[in-house]
Amino acid sequence: MDGVDRKTLQDMGGWKTAAMIDNYVHLPVNHLVAASEKLAARLH
């Protein structure tokens, strides 16, 4: 994802196998970032 090597993604995700990367890295996160920002704005 964005130039980060697979081993680093595996380590950061806490996944025991590299196969788990494929289960998660394809998920888009833009909508999660936008939702988090909206919620954070309401909490402040």
N, C-alpha and C. Protein backbone atom coordinates (compact mmCIF):
# COMPACT_ATOMS: atom_id res chain seq x y z
N MET A 1 0.84 -1.17 0.00
CA MET A 1 0.00 0.00 0.00
C MET A 1 0.89 1.23 0.00
N ASP A 2 0.83 1.94 -1.08
CA ASP A 2 1.53 3.21 -1.23
C ASP A 2 3.03 3.07 -1.04
N GLY A 3 3.59 1.96 -1.56
CA GLY A 3 5.03 1.78 -1.54
C GLY A 3 5.58 1.11 -0.29
N VAL A 4 4.73 0.71 0.64
CA VAL A 4 5.20 0.04 1.84
C VAL A 4 5.32 -1.46 1.54
N ASP A 5 6.45 -2.05 1.91
CA ASP A 5 6.64 -3.46 1.59
C ASP A 5 5.71 -4.35 2.41
N ARG A 6 5.45 -5.54 1.89
CA ARG A 6 4.48 -6.45 2.48
C ARG A 6 4.86 -6.89 3.89
N LYS A 7 6.12 -7.09 4.16
CA LYS A 7 6.55 -7.52 5.49
C LYS A 7 6.23 -6.43 6.52
N THR A 8 6.45 -5.19 6.16
CA THR A 8 6.14 -4.09 7.06
C THR A 8 4.64 -4.02 7.32
N LEU A 9 3.83 -4.18 6.27
CA LEU A 9 2.38 -4.20 6.44
C LEU A 9 1.96 -5.33 7.36
N GLN A 10 2.57 -6.48 7.17
CA GLN A 10 2.26 -7.64 8.00
C GLN A 10 2.59 -7.35 9.46
N ASP A 11 3.76 -6.79 9.70
CA ASP A 11 4.17 -6.46 11.07
C ASP A 11 3.25 -5.42 11.69
N MET A 12 2.94 -4.37 10.95
CA MET A 12 2.09 -3.30 11.47
C MET A 12 0.67 -3.78 11.71
N GLY A 13 0.19 -4.69 10.87
CA GLY A 13 -1.16 -5.21 11.04
C GLY A 13 -1.26 -6.28 12.11
N GLY A 14 -0.11 -6.81 12.53
CA GLY A 14 -0.10 -7.85 13.54
C GLY A 14 -0.54 -9.20 13.00
N TRP A 15 -0.40 -9.39 11.70
CA TRP A 15 -0.84 -10.63 11.06
C TRP A 15 0.28 -11.67 11.11
N LYS A 16 -0.08 -12.90 11.41
CA LYS A 16 0.90 -13.96 11.50
C LYS A 16 1.37 -14.45 10.14
N THR A 17 0.50 -14.34 9.13
CA THR A 17 0.86 -14.80 7.79
C THR A 17 0.70 -13.68 6.78
N ALA A 18 1.49 -13.76 5.72
CA ALA A 18 1.41 -12.76 4.66
C ALA A 18 0.07 -12.85 3.93
N ALA A 19 -0.57 -14.01 3.96
CA ALA A 19 -1.87 -14.17 3.30
C ALA A 19 -2.92 -13.25 3.91
N MET A 20 -2.79 -12.92 5.17
CA MET A 20 -3.76 -12.04 5.81
C MET A 20 -3.72 -10.64 5.23
N ILE A 21 -2.57 -10.24 4.68
CA ILE A 21 -2.47 -8.92 4.06
C ILE A 21 -3.50 -8.79 2.96
N ASP A 22 -3.63 -9.83 2.15
CA ASP A 22 -4.55 -9.79 1.03
C ASP A 22 -6.01 -9.67 1.47
N ASN A 23 -6.30 -10.10 2.68
CA ASN A 23 -7.67 -9.98 3.19
C ASN A 23 -8.03 -8.56 3.56
N TYR A 24 -7.04 -7.72 3.82
CA TYR A 24 -7.32 -6.40 4.36
C TYR A 24 -6.83 -5.22 3.52
N VAL A 25 -5.71 -5.37 2.82
CA VAL A 25 -5.13 -4.20 2.17
C VAL A 25 -5.95 -3.69 1.00
N HIS A 26 -6.82 -4.50 0.44
CA HIS A 26 -7.60 -4.03 -0.70
C HIS A 26 -8.79 -3.18 -0.28
N LEU A 27 -9.09 -3.15 1.02
CA LEU A 27 -10.24 -2.39 1.48
C LEU A 27 -9.98 -0.89 1.40
N PRO A 28 -10.87 -0.14 0.77
CA PRO A 28 -10.69 1.31 0.72
C PRO A 28 -10.92 1.91 2.10
N VAL A 29 -10.12 2.87 2.45
CA VAL A 29 -10.26 3.49 3.77
C VAL A 29 -10.66 4.96 3.70
N ASN A 30 -10.78 5.51 2.51
CA ASN A 30 -11.12 6.93 2.40
C ASN A 30 -12.41 7.27 3.13
N HIS A 31 -13.42 6.42 3.01
CA HIS A 31 -14.68 6.70 3.68
C HIS A 31 -14.52 6.62 5.20
N LEU A 32 -13.62 5.80 5.69
CA LEU A 32 -13.38 5.71 7.12
C LEU A 32 -12.68 6.95 7.65
N VAL A 33 -11.75 7.46 6.88
CA VAL A 33 -11.05 8.69 7.27
C VAL A 33 -12.03 9.84 7.33
N ALA A 34 -12.87 9.97 6.31
CA ALA A 34 -13.85 11.06 6.27
C ALA A 34 -14.81 10.95 7.45
N ALA A 35 -15.29 9.76 7.74
CA ALA A 35 -16.21 9.56 8.86
C ALA A 35 -15.53 9.87 10.19
N SER A 36 -14.29 9.46 10.34
CA SER A 36 -13.54 9.74 11.57
C SER A 36 -13.36 11.24 11.78
N GLU A 37 -13.07 11.94 10.72
CA GLU A 37 -12.90 13.40 10.82
C GLU A 37 -14.20 14.08 11.21
N LYS A 38 -15.31 13.63 10.66
CA LYS A 38 -16.61 14.22 11.03
C LYS A 38 -16.93 13.96 12.50
N LEU A 39 -16.68 12.72 12.95
CA LEU A 39 -16.94 12.40 14.34
C LEU A 39 -16.03 13.19 15.28
N ALA A 40 -14.78 13.32 14.92
CA ALA A 40 -13.83 14.06 15.75
C ALA A 40 -14.24 15.52 15.86
N ALA A 41 -14.73 16.10 14.77
CA ALA A 41 -15.16 17.49 14.79
C ALA A 41 -16.34 17.68 15.74
N ARG A 42 -17.23 16.71 15.80
CA ARG A 42 -18.40 16.81 16.69
C ARG A 42 -18.00 16.66 18.15
N LEU A 43 -16.95 15.91 18.40
CA LEU A 43 -16.52 15.68 19.77
C LEU A 43 -15.74 16.86 20.36
N HIS A 44 -15.25 17.71 19.50
CA HIS A 44 -14.47 18.85 19.99
C HIS A 44 -15.33 20.02 20.12
